[in-house]
Amino acid sequence: MKKLVFATNNSNKRDEVARMLAGKYEVLTLADIGCTTDIVEDANTLEGNALIKAEYVWKHFQLDCFADDTGLEVTALNGAPGVITARYAGEAKDNQANMAKVLANLEDKSNRSAQFRTAVCLMENGTPTLFEGISKGQITHEKAGEEGFGYDPIFQPEGHTITFAEMSQDAKNAISHRGRAIGKLITYLTNKDS
């Protein structure tokens, strides 16, 4: 089975993607390849951050890889938290604090529409290819659910009456931003390999 590095140390994300790529690729994390560097994501776009991570792995390990960056973009907050989604409430990357800040900033807003957007950069032989996935929905008034991670307990996807955190992993993968972006990546890899 071909090896493909997912430039992350987030085991939740790796497990989510490994399930989608099961039987096609062995998905490795940065730790699996011995990369202990904290790759600085200082681009001002999601695409830029995904490219930084993918380029780093290729340059230092010569392994095909992909990297992602995801942002929660809230309409009433002018697209915030966006590229600083993980650090919205500070450098500690505290999910509870991040959710609390979004809910507080939306307290007096009637428009609660939002979207999660994932940019994925695949690096093959030093050549980047970009993919994007979007999940539209709205921010709930309070947290609900125990599944998932990040902002999942306050994000209700379009066409559903429950949050991402109330869905099973498979149900979320079928409609999630990362699922859609990785789906495009999988289609691309499958077509290329056939």
Protein backbone atom coordinates (compact mmCIF):
# COMPACT_ATOMS: atom_id res chain seq x y z
CA MET A 1 0.00 0.00 0.00
CA LYS A 2 1.28 3.46 -0.85
CA LYS A 3 2.29 5.71 1.97
CA LEU A 4 0.99 9.26 2.13
CA VAL A 5 1.97 11.70 4.86
CA PHE A 6 -0.74 13.89 6.37
CA ALA A 7 1.22 16.90 7.66
CA THR A 8 -0.44 17.02 11.06
CA ASN A 9 0.05 15.91 14.63
CA ASN A 10 -3.69 16.05 15.29
CA SER A 11 -4.66 12.40 15.79
CA ASN A 12 -8.38 13.25 15.45
CA LYS A 13 -7.80 14.64 11.97
CA ARG A 14 -5.51 11.76 10.97
CA ASP A 15 -8.05 9.16 12.12
CA GLU A 16 -10.85 10.97 10.27
CA VAL A 17 -8.85 10.96 7.02
CA ALA A 18 -7.41 7.45 7.48
CA ARG A 19 -10.99 6.13 7.59
CA MET A 20 -11.75 7.83 4.27
CA LEU A 21 -8.55 6.53 2.64
CA ALA A 22 -8.76 3.03 4.14
CA GLY A 23 -7.46 0.36 1.76
CA LYS A 24 -6.00 2.91 -0.66
CA TYR A 25 -3.18 4.54 1.28
CA GLU A 26 -1.44 4.16 4.58
CA VAL A 27 -1.80 7.59 6.15
CA LEU A 28 1.17 8.68 8.26
CA THR A 29 1.43 11.67 10.59
CA LEU A 30 4.40 13.97 11.14
CA ALA A 31 5.28 11.94 14.25
CA ASP A 32 5.26 8.72 12.18
CA ILE A 33 8.01 10.10 9.90
CA GLY A 34 10.02 11.58 12.77
CA CYS A 35 9.16 15.20 12.08
CA THR A 36 9.17 16.97 15.44
CA THR A 37 9.40 20.53 14.10
CA ASP A 38 6.50 22.82 14.94
CA ILE A 39 5.89 24.07 11.39
CA VAL A 40 4.99 27.76 11.60
CA GLU A 41 1.75 28.52 9.79
CA ASP A 42 2.05 32.25 9.23
CA ALA A 43 0.30 32.72 5.89
CA ASN A 44 -2.75 34.97 5.79
CA THR A 45 -4.86 32.39 3.93
CA LEU A 46 -5.89 28.79 4.57
CA GLU A 47 -4.37 27.79 1.21
CA GLY A 48 -1.08 29.45 2.15
CA ASN A 49 -0.85 27.57 5.46
CA ALA A 50 -1.62 24.22 3.80
CA LEU A 51 1.11 24.91 1.23
CA ILE A 52 3.66 25.84 3.93
CA LYS A 53 3.15 22.51 5.72
CA ALA A 54 3.18 20.37 2.56
CA GLU A 55 6.28 22.11 1.21
CA TYR A 56 8.10 21.59 4.52
CA VAL A 57 7.50 17.83 4.50
CA TRP A 58 8.55 17.50 0.86
CA LYS A 59 11.68 19.62 1.32
CA HIS A 60 12.88 17.82 4.46
CA PHE A 61 11.65 14.23 3.95
CA GLN A 62 11.06 13.86 0.16
CA LEU A 63 7.75 12.13 0.86
CA ASP A 64 4.49 12.74 -0.97
CA CYS A 65 2.15 14.39 1.47
CA PHE A 66 -0.86 16.54 1.93
CA ALA A 67 -1.64 19.24 4.44
CA ASP A 68 -4.81 21.03 5.33
CA ASP A 69 -5.90 24.17 7.04
CA THR A 70 -9.47 24.77 8.13
CA GLY A 71 -11.21 27.93 9.13
CA LEU A 72 -14.60 28.73 10.58
CA GLU A 73 -15.91 31.77 8.71
CA VAL A 74 -18.81 33.53 10.45
CA THR A 75 -20.74 35.98 8.27
CA ALA A 76 -21.69 38.44 11.04
CA LEU A 77 -18.06 38.50 12.24
CA ASN A 78 -16.76 39.48 8.78
CA GLY A 79 -15.38 36.00 8.15
CA ALA A 80 -13.70 35.64 11.55
CA PRO A 81 -12.17 33.62 13.06
CA GLY A 82 -10.99 32.45 9.62
CA VAL A 83 -7.28 31.75 9.35
CA ILE A 84 -6.85 32.08 13.16
CA THR A 85 -9.67 29.61 13.95
CA ALA A 86 -7.54 27.44 16.28
CA ARG A 87 -6.12 30.49 18.09
CA TYR A 88 -9.23 32.70 18.12
CA ALA A 89 -9.25 33.06 21.92
CA GLY A 90 -5.45 32.97 22.26
CA GLU A 91 -2.31 30.95 21.59
CA ALA A 92 -3.41 28.15 23.92
CA LYS A 93 -5.70 26.81 21.16
CA ASP A 94 -8.42 26.16 23.75
CA ASN A 95 -11.55 24.80 22.03
CA GLN A 96 -13.86 25.78 24.89
CA ALA A 97 -12.51 29.35 25.01
CA ASN A 98 -12.73 29.64 21.21
CA MET A 99 -16.40 28.54 21.21
CA ALA A 100 -17.20 30.86 24.11
CA LYS A 101 -15.67 33.82 22.23
CA VAL A 102 -17.68 33.10 19.06
CA LEU A 103 -20.91 32.73 21.04
CA ALA A 104 -20.20 35.96 22.97
CA ASN A 105 -19.41 37.88 19.76
CA LEU A 106 -22.70 36.70 18.22
CA GLU A 107 -24.85 37.46 21.26
CA ASP A 108 -26.51 40.54 19.72
CA LYS A 109 -26.45 39.28 16.11
CA SER A 110 -29.47 37.82 14.32
CA ASN A 111 -27.46 36.48 11.36
CA ARG A 112 -25.75 33.32 12.60
CA SER A 113 -24.78 31.92 9.19
CA ALA A 114 -21.30 30.47 8.97
CA GLN A 115 -19.22 28.02 7.01
CA PHE A 116 -16.29 25.76 7.63
CA ARG A 117 -13.79 25.87 4.78
CA THR A 118 -10.89 23.44 4.36
CA ALA A 119 -8.00 23.95 1.97
CA VAL A 120 -5.93 20.85 1.18
CA CYS A 121 -2.56 20.99 -0.54
CA LEU A 122 -1.25 17.75 -2.04
CA MET A 123 2.49 17.74 -2.70
CA GLU A 124 3.65 15.09 -5.19
CA ASN A 125 7.26 15.11 -6.31
CA GLY A 126 7.46 18.73 -5.23
CA THR A 127 4.40 19.84 -7.21
CA PRO A 128 1.42 21.28 -5.29
CA THR A 129 -2.26 20.72 -6.13
CA LEU A 130 -4.99 22.48 -4.14
CA PHE A 131 -8.46 21.24 -3.19
CA GLU A 132 -11.25 22.96 -1.24
CA GLY A 133 -14.23 21.78 0.75
CA ILE A 134 -17.00 23.89 2.28
CA SER A 135 -19.75 23.12 4.79
CA LYS A 136 -22.38 25.83 5.14
CA GLY A 137 -24.52 26.13 8.23
CA GLN A 138 -25.10 28.28 11.26
CA ILE A 139 -23.79 28.85 14.74
CA THR A 140 -26.13 27.56 17.43
CA HIS A 141 -26.95 29.53 20.59
CA GLU A 142 -25.41 26.90 22.86
CA LYS A 143 -23.14 23.87 22.69
CA ALA A 144 -24.63 20.44 21.97
CA GLY A 145 -23.04 17.02 21.48
CA GLU A 146 -19.91 15.17 22.55
CA GLU A 147 -18.50 13.92 19.22
CA GLY A 148 -15.97 15.63 16.98
CA PHE A 149 -13.63 18.41 18.08
CA GLY A 150 -13.00 22.12 17.68
CA TYR A 151 -16.17 24.11 17.04
CA ASP A 152 -18.31 21.04 16.24
CA PRO A 153 -20.63 21.52 19.28
CA ILE A 154 -21.80 24.97 18.04
CA PHE A 155 -21.97 24.33 14.27
CA GLN A 156 -25.23 23.08 12.77
CA PRO A 157 -24.78 22.14 9.11
CA GLU A 158 -27.35 23.17 6.51
CA GLY A 159 -30.27 20.77 6.21
CA HIS A 160 -29.73 19.30 9.68
CA THR A 161 -31.28 19.95 13.09
CA ILE A 162 -28.24 18.76 15.08
CA THR A 163 -24.64 19.94 15.41
CA PHE A 164 -21.57 18.22 14.01
CA ALA A 165 -20.83 17.12 17.59
CA GLU A 166 -24.15 15.24 17.74
CA MET A 167 -23.40 13.26 14.56
CA SER A 168 -21.51 10.00 14.22
CA GLN A 169 -18.04 10.33 12.71
CA ASP A 170 -19.20 8.69 9.47
CA ALA A 171 -22.26 10.95 9.17
CA LYS A 172 -20.09 14.03 9.70
CA ASN A 173 -17.44 12.83 7.22
CA ALA A 174 -20.11 12.46 4.55
CA ILE A 175 -20.97 16.17 4.67
CA SER A 176 -18.02 17.90 6.35
CA HIS A 177 -15.72 20.46 4.79
CA ARG A 178 -12.70 18.23 5.39
CA GLY A 179 -14.64 15.24 4.05
CA ARG A 180 -15.47 17.17 0.87
CA ALA A 181 -11.91 18.44 0.37
CA ILE A 182 -10.42 14.99 1.07
CA GLY A 183 -13.07 13.49 -1.23
CA LYS A 184 -11.73 15.67 -4.06
CA LEU A 185 -8.18 14.60 -3.14
CA ILE A 186 -9.21 10.91 -3.18
CA THR A 187 -10.95 11.30 -6.56
CA TYR A 188 -7.84 12.98 -7.95
CA LEU A 189 -5.51 10.26 -6.60
CA THR A 190 -7.82 7.45 -7.78
CA ASN A 191 -8.12 8.87 -11.30
CA LYS A 192 -4.37 9.44 -11.49
CA ASP A 193 -3.59 5.90 -10.35
CA SER A 194 -6.07 4.20 -12.73
